[in-house]
Amino acid sequence: MLGADQRGATAIEYGLIVGLIAVALITGMQSLGGGVGGMWGTLNNKANTYMPSS
């Protein structure tokens, strides 16, 4: 009778899917954040070269 009860299986599957999507989003945001941070750092350095603070 244990094999016939599937009520909790769908909830577990949805939980695993949501977890995998969350991991993918976090990984993507971390790599994107590093690239954007580097871009702003480069822009800041170039701006300081042409417009130094007094």
Protein backbone atom coordinates (compact mmCIF):
# COMPACT_ATOMS: atom_id res chain seq x y z
CA MET A 1 0.00 0.00 0.00
CA LEU A 2 2.94 2.35 0.40
CA GLY A 3 3.55 2.47 -3.36
CA ALA A 4 -0.02 3.58 -4.09
CA ASP A 5 0.12 6.78 -1.99
CA GLN A 6 1.43 9.59 -4.24
CA ARG A 7 -0.05 12.63 -2.48
CA GLY A 8 3.22 14.06 -1.18
CA ALA A 9 5.28 13.26 -4.27
CA THR A 10 4.00 16.22 -6.29
CA ALA A 11 4.75 18.69 -3.51
CA ILE A 12 8.26 17.30 -3.15
CA GLU A 13 8.83 17.52 -6.91
CA TYR A 14 7.66 21.13 -6.99
CA GLY A 15 9.91 21.91 -4.04
CA LEU A 16 12.91 20.42 -5.84
CA ILE A 17 12.12 22.39 -9.01
CA VAL A 18 11.81 25.64 -7.05
CA GLY A 19 15.08 24.88 -5.27
CA LEU A 20 16.92 24.28 -8.55
CA ILE A 21 15.52 27.49 -10.04
CA ALA A 22 16.63 29.41 -6.93
CA VAL A 23 20.16 28.01 -7.19
CA ALA A 24 20.31 28.93 -10.89
CA LEU A 25 19.09 32.48 -10.20
CA ILE A 26 21.55 33.02 -7.35
CA THR A 27 24.45 31.73 -9.44
CA GLY A 28 23.45 33.94 -12.38
CA MET A 29 23.07 37.01 -10.20
CA GLN A 30 26.47 36.48 -8.60
CA SER A 31 28.27 36.24 -11.92
CA LEU A 32 26.29 39.15 -13.36
CA GLY A 33 26.98 41.21 -10.23
CA GLY A 34 30.72 40.69 -10.58
CA GLY A 35 30.65 41.83 -14.19
CA VAL A 36 28.54 44.90 -13.43
CA GLY A 37 30.75 45.79 -10.46
CA GLY A 38 33.84 45.58 -12.65
CA MET A 39 32.19 47.75 -15.29
CA TRP A 40 31.36 50.47 -12.75
CA GLY A 41 34.90 50.27 -11.34
CA THR A 42 36.39 50.80 -14.80
CA LEU A 43 34.01 53.68 -15.46
CA ASN A 44 34.94 55.24 -12.11
CA ASN A 45 38.67 54.99 -12.87
CA LYS A 46 38.24 56.58 -16.30
CA ALA A 47 36.09 59.37 -14.88
CA ASN A 48 38.70 60.07 -12.19
CA THR A 49 41.39 60.25 -14.87
CA TYR A 50 39.55 62.96 -16.80
CA MET A 51 37.87 64.69 -13.84
CA PRO A 52 40.13 64.37 -10.79
CA SER A 53 38.70 65.53 -7.49
CA SER A 54 40.38 68.53 -5.90
